Amino acid sequence: MPPDRQILMLATLAFLAGVVSAVRALLSGNWRPRHQWVAMLIGFALQTTAVYLRGQAVGQCPMKSLSDILIFISWSIVLLYFLVGSTYRVSLLGIFTAPLVSAMHVLAFSVPKSFPDYAEKVKVDPYVELHAALALVAYAAFALACITGVMYLLQERFLKQHRIGGLFYQLPPIQGLARAIQRLVLLGLVLLSVSLSVSFKLQTPISNPKLIFAWAVWVLYAIIGFIMWRHVLSPRQTAWLASVGFIIPFISLWLVTSHG
């Protein structure tokens, strides 16, 4: 097995170990947010190394196969976790993020013909790389909006059932979670908009399946963003929308790679 794959397996174990230790700490009442950050940092360092080695092996940014796309998005999710977690003081975000990242790693290894060799390419087009990278980071922002939506719904459930315990006290105020969802959706929408604007420089045919799927995701989140901005739905409903909405871009990954 190539070194990048071995390191990815170690990263998966690091994320899972962080979740297990954090859950144990919560149950014992000895929770310390820094414990979660250490595990996530180790996993992220291993992820970064694996992505770098994979890029060296294929001679470009590894974003062509479904396996590579899943790994790149999971890497972007963890990167955004470090930025968002401190910004919104979402101390438990790692417990919700790590299982998703680990699942994406497992999927990357499980899909047929995982991590294939790339066809040799004489010259890498930086605009193509930028377009693809921005789109995948945008998907990572939508994934974090989904995770934050789940945290909002969990917080709301605790409040309704008057279950005030250790986990409840680690969650940020429910209003802060609602704002975080909105800003993550906006961040993803901005990144995807820039990615699609770069595609115009590439003169990609509008009938290209990858472009069609990307525009479909943009329209979906533009609608979600408008609904949030206009307060058409309650915060609970928008949390559900952000959580369930990620199913569409996640499924589109299979559609994009199967048509490209």
C-alpha atoms as a PDB file:
ATOM      1  CA  MET A   1       0.000   0.000   0.000  1.00  0.00           C
ATOM      2  CA  PRO A   2       1.408   3.441  -0.957  1.00  0.00           C
ATOM      3  CA  PRO A   3       2.556   5.732   1.889  1.00  0.00           C
ATOM      4  CA  ASP A   4      -0.261   8.257   1.344  1.00  0.00           C
ATOM      5  CA  ARG A   5      -2.858   5.531   1.922  1.00  0.00           C
ATOM      6  CA  GLN A   6      -1.115   4.321   5.060  1.00  0.00           C
ATOM      7  CA  ILE A   7      -0.997   7.856   6.450  1.00  0.00           C
ATOM      8  CA  LEU A   8      -4.698   8.353   5.649  1.00  0.00           C
ATOM      9  CA  MET A   9      -5.494   5.268   7.714  1.00  0.00           C
ATOM     10  CA  LEU A  10      -3.525   6.722  10.614  1.00  0.00           C
ATOM     11  CA  ALA A  11      -5.438  10.004  10.227  1.00  0.00           C
ATOM     12  CA  THR A  12      -8.738   8.108  10.395  1.00  0.00           C
ATOM     13  CA  LEU A  13      -7.631   6.391  13.594  1.00  0.00           C
ATOM     14  CA  ALA A  14      -6.581   9.745  15.064  1.00  0.00           C
ATOM     15  CA  PHE A  15     -10.012  11.270  14.411  1.00  0.00           C
ATOM     16  CA  LEU A  16     -11.829   8.246  15.840  1.00  0.00           C
ATOM     17  CA  ALA A  17      -9.553   8.180  18.887  1.00  0.00           C
ATOM     18  CA  GLY A  18     -10.354  11.846  19.483  1.00  0.00           C
ATOM     19  CA  VAL A  19     -14.084  11.130  19.440  1.00  0.00           C
ATOM     20  CA  VAL A  20     -13.757   8.184  21.830  1.00  0.00           C
ATOM     21  CA  SER A  21     -11.623  10.108  24.312  1.00  0.00           C
ATOM     22  CA  ALA A  22     -13.923  13.143  24.136  1.00  0.00           C
ATOM     23  CA  VAL A  23     -17.045  11.062  24.776  1.00  0.00           C
ATOM     24  CA  ARG A  24     -15.371   9.388  27.731  1.00  0.00           C
ATOM     25  CA  ALA A  25     -14.359  12.776  29.118  1.00  0.00           C
ATOM     26  CA  LEU A  26     -17.899  14.090  28.767  1.00  0.00           C
ATOM     27  CA  LEU A  27     -19.361  11.059  30.522  1.00  0.00           C
ATOM     28  CA  SER A  28     -16.859  11.386  33.371  1.00  0.00           C
ATOM     29  CA  GLY A  29     -17.449  15.147  33.664  1.00  0.00           C
ATOM     30  CA  ASN A  30     -13.773  15.899  32.969  1.00  0.00           C
ATOM     31  CA  TRP A  31     -14.196  17.484  29.521  1.00  0.00           C
ATOM     32  CA  ARG A  32     -11.434  19.774  28.271  1.00  0.00           C
ATOM     33  CA  PRO A  33     -11.833  21.278  24.768  1.00  0.00           C
ATOM     34  CA  ARG A  34      -8.069  21.212  24.173  1.00  0.00           C
ATOM     35  CA  HIS A  35      -8.133  17.398  24.232  1.00  0.00           C
ATOM     36  CA  GLN A  36     -10.338  17.449  21.139  1.00  0.00           C
ATOM     37  CA  TRP A  37      -8.131  19.992  19.408  1.00  0.00           C
ATOM     38  CA  VAL A  38      -5.013  17.859  19.898  1.00  0.00           C
ATOM     39  CA  ALA A  39      -6.615  14.808  18.266  1.00  0.00           C
ATOM     40  CA  MET A  40      -8.010  16.892  15.405  1.00  0.00           C
ATOM     41  CA  LEU A  41      -4.643  18.613  14.903  1.00  0.00           C
ATOM     42  CA  ILE A  42      -2.831  15.269  14.687  1.00  0.00           C
ATOM     43  CA  GLY A  43      -5.425  13.965  12.231  1.00  0.00           C
ATOM     44  CA  PHE A  44      -5.189  17.142  10.154  1.00  0.00           C
ATOM     45  CA  ALA A  45      -1.379  16.968  10.023  1.00  0.00           C
ATOM     46  CA  LEU A  46      -1.591  13.376   8.809  1.00  0.00           C
ATOM     47  CA  GLN A  47      -4.284  14.327   6.272  1.00  0.00           C
ATOM     48  CA  THR A  48      -2.161  17.179   4.931  1.00  0.00           C
ATOM     49  CA  THR A  49       0.840  14.896   4.544  1.00  0.00           C
ATOM     50  CA  ALA A  50      -1.252  12.275   2.739  1.00  0.00           C
ATOM     51  CA  VAL A  51      -2.756  14.849   0.350  1.00  0.00           C
ATOM     52  CA  TYR A  52       0.718  16.223  -0.380  1.00  0.00           C
ATOM     53  CA  LEU A  53       2.144  12.765  -1.107  1.00  0.00           C
ATOM     54  CA  ARG A  54      -0.843  11.892  -3.285  1.00  0.00           C
ATOM     55  CA  GLY A  55      -0.363  15.155  -5.198  1.00  0.00           C
ATOM     56  CA  GLN A  56       3.285  14.324  -5.758  1.00  0.00           C
ATOM     57  CA  ALA A  57       2.329  10.859  -7.004  1.00  0.00           C
ATOM     58  CA  VAL A  58      -0.242  12.092  -9.559  1.00  0.00           C
ATOM     59  CA  GLY A  59       1.628  15.268 -10.499  1.00  0.00           C
ATOM     60  CA  GLN A  60      -1.191  17.672  -9.663  1.00  0.00           C
ATOM     61  CA  CYS A  61      -3.692  18.566  -6.968  1.00  0.00           C
ATOM     62  CA  PRO A  62      -5.508  15.258  -6.274  1.00  0.00           C
ATOM     63  CA  MET A  63      -9.104  16.152  -7.152  1.00  0.00           C
ATOM     64  CA  LYS A  64     -10.047  13.909 -10.092  1.00  0.00           C
ATOM     65  CA  SER A  65     -11.235  10.568  -8.726  1.00  0.00           C
ATOM     66  CA  LEU A  66     -14.107  10.171  -6.264  1.00  0.00           C
ATOM     67  CA  SER A  67     -11.693   8.889  -3.624  1.00  0.00           C
ATOM     68  CA  ASP A  68      -9.456  11.927  -3.977  1.00  0.00           C
ATOM     69  CA  ILE A  69     -12.439  14.297  -3.944  1.00  0.00           C
ATOM     70  CA  LEU A  70     -13.737  12.766  -0.701  1.00  0.00           C
ATOM     71  CA  ILE A  71     -10.315  13.131   0.922  1.00  0.00           C
ATOM     72  CA  PHE A  72      -9.878  16.722  -0.287  1.00  0.00           C
ATOM     73  CA  ILE A  73     -13.313  17.714   1.041  1.00  0.00           C
ATOM     74  CA  SER A  74     -12.675  15.982   4.372  1.00  0.00           C
ATOM     75  CA  TRP A  75      -9.329  17.810   4.607  1.00  0.00           C
ATOM     76  CA  SER A  76     -11.122  21.111   3.885  1.00  0.00           C
ATOM     77  CA  ILE A  77     -13.750  20.326   6.533  1.00  0.00           C
ATOM     78  CA  VAL A  78     -11.059  19.924   9.200  1.00  0.00           C
ATOM     79  CA  LEU A  79      -9.307  23.097   8.025  1.00  0.00           C
ATOM     80  CA  LEU A  80     -12.562  25.052   8.344  1.00  0.00           C
ATOM     81  CA  TYR A  81     -13.187  23.372  11.707  1.00  0.00           C
ATOM     82  CA  PHE A  82     -10.088  25.056  13.135  1.00  0.00           C
ATOM     83  CA  LEU A  83     -11.232  28.424  11.776  1.00  0.00           C
ATOM     84  CA  VAL A  84     -14.906  28.121  12.720  1.00  0.00           C
ATOM     85  CA  GLY A  85     -14.449  26.347  16.042  1.00  0.00           C
ATOM     86  CA  SER A  86     -12.527  29.247  17.538  1.00  0.00           C
ATOM     87  CA  THR A  87     -14.635  31.928  15.840  1.00  0.00           C
ATOM     88  CA  TYR A  88     -17.937  30.636  17.197  1.00  0.00           C
ATOM     89  CA  ARG A  89     -16.526  28.943  20.309  1.00  0.00           C
ATOM     90  CA  VAL A  90     -18.078  25.671  19.175  1.00  0.00           C
ATOM     91  CA  SER A  91     -16.048  23.484  21.522  1.00  0.00           C
ATOM     92  CA  LEU A  92     -17.899  20.275  20.647  1.00  0.00           C
ATOM     93  CA  LEU A  93     -17.736  20.756  16.882  1.00  0.00           C
ATOM     94  CA  GLY A  94     -14.882  18.263  16.657  1.00  0.00           C
ATOM     95  CA  ILE A  95     -16.987  15.453  18.131  1.00  0.00           C
ATOM     96  CA  PHE A  96     -19.540  16.001  15.368  1.00  0.00           C
ATOM     97  CA  THR A  97     -16.960  16.659  12.652  1.00  0.00           C
ATOM     98  CA  ALA A  98     -14.567  13.772  13.264  1.00  0.00           C
ATOM     99  CA  PRO A  99     -17.113  10.968  12.596  1.00  0.00           C
ATOM    100  CA  LEU A 100     -18.116  12.572   9.279  1.00  0.00           C
ATOM    101  CA  VAL A 101     -14.479  12.972   8.249  1.00  0.00           C
ATOM    102  CA  SER A 102     -13.722   9.385   9.269  1.00  0.00           C
ATOM    103  CA  ALA A 103     -16.732   8.128   7.305  1.00  0.00           C
ATOM    104  CA  MET A 104     -15.550  10.004   4.235  1.00  0.00           C
ATOM    105  CA  HIS A 105     -12.133   8.384   4.603  1.00  0.00           C
ATOM    106  CA  VAL A 106     -13.728   4.945   4.794  1.00  0.00           C
ATOM    107  CA  LEU A 107     -15.853   5.716   1.723  1.00  0.00           C
ATOM    108  CA  ALA A 108     -12.756   6.879  -0.144  1.00  0.00           C
ATOM    109  CA  PHE A 109     -11.144   3.486   0.442  1.00  0.00           C
ATOM    110  CA  SER A 110     -14.367   1.566  -0.250  1.00  0.00           C
ATOM    111  CA  VAL A 111     -15.459   2.944  -3.640  1.00  0.00           C
ATOM    112  CA  PRO A 112     -14.625   0.807  -6.693  1.00  0.00           C
ATOM    113  CA  LYS A 113     -11.217   1.526  -8.223  1.00  0.00           C
ATOM    114  CA  SER A 114     -10.240   3.803  -5.353  1.00  0.00           C
ATOM    115  CA  PHE A 115      -7.278   6.154  -5.788  1.00  0.00           C
ATOM    116  CA  PRO A 116      -6.590   5.370  -9.455  1.00  0.00           C
ATOM    117  CA  ASP A 117      -3.554   6.573 -11.370  1.00  0.00           C
ATOM    118  CA  TYR A 118      -4.072   9.768 -13.364  1.00  0.00           C
ATOM    119  CA  ALA A 119      -3.447  10.040 -17.074  1.00  0.00           C
ATOM    120  CA  GLU A 120      -0.217  11.888 -17.759  1.00  0.00           C
ATOM    121  CA  LYS A 121      -0.723  15.586 -18.288  1.00  0.00           C
ATOM    122  CA  VAL A 122       1.813  17.827 -19.966  1.00  0.00           C
ATOM    123  CA  LYS A 123       0.741  21.064 -18.301  1.00  0.00           C
ATOM    124  CA  VAL A 124      -1.517  21.762 -15.335  1.00  0.00           C
ATOM    125  CA  ASP A 125      -3.968  24.622 -15.907  1.00  0.00           C
ATOM    126  CA  PRO A 126      -3.974  26.752 -12.711  1.00  0.00           C
ATOM    127  CA  TYR A 127      -7.501  28.019 -13.451  1.00  0.00           C
ATOM    128  CA  VAL A 128      -8.833  24.465 -13.630  1.00  0.00           C
ATOM    129  CA  GLU A 129      -7.116  23.675 -10.328  1.00  0.00           C
ATOM    130  CA  LEU A 130      -8.481  26.860  -8.723  1.00  0.00           C
ATOM    131  CA  HIS A 131     -11.999  26.218 -10.002  1.00  0.00           C
ATOM    132  CA  ALA A 132     -12.050  22.655  -8.634  1.00  0.00           C
ATOM    133  CA  ALA A 133     -10.382  23.494  -5.311  1.00  0.00           C
ATOM    134  CA  LEU A 134     -12.751  26.394  -4.530  1.00  0.00           C
ATOM    135  CA  ALA A 135     -15.774  24.254  -5.358  1.00  0.00           C
ATOM    136  CA  LEU A 136     -14.647  21.469  -3.024  1.00  0.00           C
ATOM    137  CA  VAL A 137     -13.851  23.888  -0.180  1.00  0.00           C
ATOM    138  CA  ALA A 138     -17.347  25.344  -0.702  1.00  0.00           C
ATOM    139  CA  TYR A 139     -18.763  21.833  -0.281  1.00  0.00           C
ATOM    140  CA  ALA A 140     -16.767  21.559   2.944  1.00  0.00           C
ATOM    141  CA  ALA A 141     -18.418  24.763   4.206  1.00  0.00           C
ATOM    142  CA  PHE A 142     -21.833  23.289   3.383  1.00  0.00           C
ATOM    143  CA  ALA A 143     -20.831  20.131   5.275  1.00  0.00           C
ATOM    144  CA  LEU A 144     -19.956  22.193   8.357  1.00  0.00           C
ATOM    145  CA  ALA A 145     -23.279  24.026   8.038  1.00  0.00           C
ATOM    146  CA  CYS A 146     -24.910  20.589   8.068  1.00  0.00           C
ATOM    147  CA  ILE A 147     -22.987  19.574  11.213  1.00  0.00           C
ATOM    148  CA  THR A 148     -23.807  22.868  12.924  1.00  0.00           C
ATOM    149  CA  GLY A 149     -27.461  22.366  11.997  1.00  0.00           C
ATOM    150  CA  VAL A 150     -27.394  18.993  13.741  1.00  0.00           C
ATOM    151  CA  MET A 151     -25.883  20.658  16.821  1.00  0.00           C
ATOM    152  CA  TYR A 152     -28.643  23.290  16.754  1.00  0.00           C
ATOM    153  CA  LEU A 153     -31.353  20.614  16.624  1.00  0.00           C
ATOM    154  CA  LEU A 154     -29.683  18.714  19.458  1.00  0.00           C
ATOM    155  CA  GLN A 155     -29.429  21.866  21.573  1.00  0.00           C
ATOM    156  CA  GLU A 156     -33.084  22.649  20.925  1.00  0.00           C
ATOM    157  CA  ARG A 157     -34.084  19.122  21.926  1.00  0.00           C
ATOM    158  CA  PHE A 158     -32.169  19.429  25.190  1.00  0.00           C
ATOM    159  CA  LEU A 159     -33.924  22.710  25.954  1.00  0.00           C
ATOM    160  CA  LYS A 160     -37.386  21.318  25.232  1.00  0.00           C
ATOM    161  CA  GLN A 161     -36.778  18.238  27.359  1.00  0.00           C
ATOM    162  CA  HIS A 162     -35.062  20.257  30.113  1.00  0.00           C
ATOM    163  CA  ARG A 163     -32.034  17.976  29.885  1.00  0.00           C
ATOM    164  CA  ILE A 164     -29.394  20.296  31.293  1.00  0.00           C
ATOM    165  CA  GLY A 165     -26.192  18.277  31.604  1.00  0.00           C
ATOM    166  CA  GLY A 166     -22.529  18.096  30.677  1.00  0.00           C
ATOM    167  CA  LEU A 167     -23.088  17.955  26.929  1.00  0.00           C
ATOM    168  CA  PHE A 168     -25.582  20.833  27.053  1.00  0.00           C
ATOM    169  CA  TYR A 169     -23.096  23.125  28.795  1.00  0.00           C
ATOM    170  CA  GLN A 170     -20.453  22.497  26.117  1.00  0.00           C
ATOM    171  CA  LEU A 171     -22.756  23.559  23.286  1.00  0.00           C
ATOM    172  CA  PRO A 172     -22.727  27.282  22.435  1.00  0.00           C
ATOM    173  CA  PRO A 173     -25.878  29.396  22.817  1.00  0.00           C
ATOM    174  CA  ILE A 174     -28.537  28.318  20.371  1.00  0.00           C
ATOM    175  CA  GLN A 175     -28.610  31.803  18.809  1.00  0.00           C
ATOM    176  CA  GLY A 176     -24.880  31.498  18.105  1.00  0.00           C
ATOM    177  CA  LEU A 177     -25.434  28.206  16.325  1.00  0.00           C
ATOM    178  CA  ALA A 178     -28.142  29.774  14.173  1.00  0.00           C
ATOM    179  CA  ARG A 179     -25.752  32.571  13.147  1.00  0.00           C
ATOM    180  CA  ALA A 180     -22.989  30.054  12.467  1.00  0.00           C
ATOM    181  CA  ILE A 181     -25.258  28.113  10.095  1.00  0.00           C
ATOM    182  CA  GLN A 182     -26.097  31.270   8.162  1.00  0.00           C
ATOM    183  CA  ARG A 183     -22.466  32.358   7.861  1.00  0.00           C
ATOM    184  CA  LEU A 184     -21.263  28.913   6.805  1.00  0.00           C
ATOM    185  CA  VAL A 185     -23.919  28.752   4.093  1.00  0.00           C
ATOM    186  CA  LEU A 186     -22.890  32.243   2.975  1.00  0.00           C
ATOM    187  CA  LEU A 187     -19.200  31.276   2.990  1.00  0.00           C
ATOM    188  CA  GLY A 188     -19.893  28.198   0.879  1.00  0.00           C
ATOM    189  CA  LEU A 189     -22.053  30.178  -1.498  1.00  0.00           C
ATOM    190  CA  VAL A 190     -19.373  32.851  -1.974  1.00  0.00           C
ATOM    191  CA  LEU A 191     -16.666  30.242  -2.606  1.00  0.00           C
ATOM    192  CA  LEU A 192     -18.839  28.339  -5.061  1.00  0.00           C
ATOM    193  CA  SER A 193     -19.739  31.594  -6.834  1.00  0.00           C
ATOM    194  CA  VAL A 194     -16.047  32.430  -7.269  1.00  0.00           C
ATOM    195  CA  SER A 195     -15.405  28.891  -8.505  1.00  0.00           C
ATOM    196  CA  LEU A 196     -18.161  29.169 -11.104  1.00  0.00           C
ATOM    197  CA  SER A 197     -16.925  32.596 -12.182  1.00  0.00           C
ATOM    198  CA  VAL A 198     -13.479  31.077 -12.788  1.00  0.00           C
ATOM    199  CA  SER A 199     -15.146  28.444 -14.987  1.00  0.00           C
ATOM    200  CA  PHE A 200     -16.119  31.204 -17.439  1.00  0.00           C
ATOM    201  CA  LYS A 201     -12.411  31.807 -18.110  1.00  0.00           C
ATOM    202  CA  LEU A 202     -12.091  28.126 -18.971  1.00  0.00           C
ATOM    203  CA  GLN A 203     -14.846  28.459 -21.585  1.00  0.00           C
ATOM    204  CA  THR A 204     -16.365  25.216 -20.360  1.00  0.00           C
ATOM    205  CA  PRO A 205     -19.485  24.236 -22.356  1.00  0.00           C
ATOM    206  CA  ILE A 206     -22.672  24.908 -20.399  1.00  0.00           C
ATOM    207  CA  SER A 207     -23.748  21.337 -21.184  1.00  0.00           C
ATOM    208  CA  ASN A 208     -20.783  19.929 -19.247  1.00  0.00           C
ATOM    209  CA  PRO A 209     -22.293  17.617 -16.551  1.00  0.00           C
ATOM    210  CA  LYS A 210     -19.836  18.815 -13.895  1.00  0.00           C
ATOM    211  CA  LEU A 211     -20.868  22.414 -14.498  1.00  0.00           C
ATOM    212  CA  ILE A 212     -24.565  21.524 -14.487  1.00  0.00           C
ATOM    213  CA  PHE A 213     -24.255  19.768 -11.113  1.00  0.00           C
ATOM    214  CA  ALA A 214     -22.219  22.665  -9.674  1.00  0.00           C
ATOM    215  CA  TRP A 215     -24.858  25.190 -10.780  1.00  0.00           C
ATOM    216  CA  ALA A 216     -27.607  22.981  -9.327  1.00  0.00           C
ATOM    217  CA  VAL A 217     -25.851  23.021  -5.945  1.00  0.00           C
ATOM    218  CA  TRP A 218     -25.363  26.799  -6.230  1.00  0.00           C
ATOM    219  CA  VAL A 219     -29.074  27.334  -6.930  1.00  0.00           C
ATOM    220  CA  LEU A 220     -30.014  25.097  -3.982  1.00  0.00           C
ATOM    221  CA  TYR A 221     -27.856  27.025  -1.515  1.00  0.00           C
ATOM    222  CA  ALA A 222     -28.784  30.382  -3.019  1.00  0.00           C
ATOM    223  CA  ILE A 223     -32.401  29.508  -2.190  1.00  0.00           C
ATOM    224  CA  ILE A 224     -31.411  28.339   1.303  1.00  0.00           C
ATOM    225  CA  GLY A 225     -29.401  31.538   1.816  1.00  0.00           C
ATOM    226  CA  PHE A 226     -32.304  33.706   0.654  1.00  0.00           C
ATOM    227  CA  ILE A 227     -34.702  31.876   2.985  1.00  0.00           C
ATOM    228  CA  MET A 228     -32.333  32.451   5.899  1.00  0.00           C
ATOM    229  CA  TRP A 229     -31.797  36.116   5.001  1.00  0.00           C
ATOM    230  CA  ARG A 230     -35.515  36.813   4.708  1.00  0.00           C
ATOM    231  CA  HIS A 231     -36.358  34.722   7.803  1.00  0.00           C
ATOM    232  CA  VAL A 232     -39.009  32.874   5.815  1.00  0.00           C
ATOM    233  CA  LEU A 233     -38.636  29.825   8.057  1.00  0.00           C
ATOM    234  CA  SER A 234     -37.992  29.443  11.775  1.00  0.00           C
ATOM    235  CA  PRO A 235     -34.385  28.862  12.949  1.00  0.00           C
ATOM    236  CA  ARG A 236     -35.285  25.237  13.627  1.00  0.00           C
ATOM    237  CA  GLN A 237     -36.558  24.771  10.082  1.00  0.00           C
ATOM    238  CA  THR A 238     -33.489  26.419   8.582  1.00  0.00           C
ATOM    239  CA  ALA A 239     -31.295  24.120  10.707  1.00  0.00           C
ATOM    240  CA  TRP A 240     -33.144  21.167   9.200  1.00  0.00           C
ATOM    241  CA  LEU A 241     -32.719  22.694   5.754  1.00  0.00           C
ATOM    242  CA  ALA A 242     -28.961  23.103   6.212  1.00  0.00           C
ATOM    243  CA  SER A 243     -28.643  19.562   7.572  1.00  0.00           C
ATOM    244  CA  VAL A 244     -30.710  17.815   4.903  1.00  0.00           C
ATOM    245  CA  GLY A 245     -29.548  20.109   2.083  1.00  0.00           C
ATOM    246  CA  PHE A 246     -26.032  18.693   2.177  1.00  0.00           C
ATOM    247  CA  ILE A 247     -27.385  15.406   0.812  1.00  0.00           C
ATOM    248  CA  ILE A 248     -27.622  17.017  -2.652  1.00  0.00           C
ATOM    249  CA  PRO A 249     -23.980  18.139  -3.037  1.00  0.00           C
ATOM    250  CA  PHE A 250     -22.812  14.910  -1.407  1.00  0.00           C
ATOM    251  CA  ILE A 251     -24.720  12.793  -3.952  1.00  0.00           C
ATOM    252  CA  SER A 252     -23.560  15.076  -6.773  1.00  0.00           C
ATOM    253  CA  LEU A 253     -19.979  13.956  -6.108  1.00  0.00           C
ATOM    254  CA  TRP A 254     -20.866  10.515  -7.458  1.00  0.00           C
ATOM    255  CA  LEU A 255     -22.671  12.050 -10.420  1.00  0.00           C
ATOM    256  CA  VAL A 256     -19.773  14.351 -11.263  1.00  0.00           C
ATOM    257  CA  THR A 257     -17.147  11.615 -11.178  1.00  0.00           C
ATOM    258  CA  SER A 258     -19.334   9.151 -13.080  1.00  0.00           C
ATOM    259  CA  HIS A 259     -19.695  11.687 -15.902  1.00  0.00           C
ATOM    260  CA  GLY A 260     -16.148  12.845 -15.998  1.00  0.00           C
END
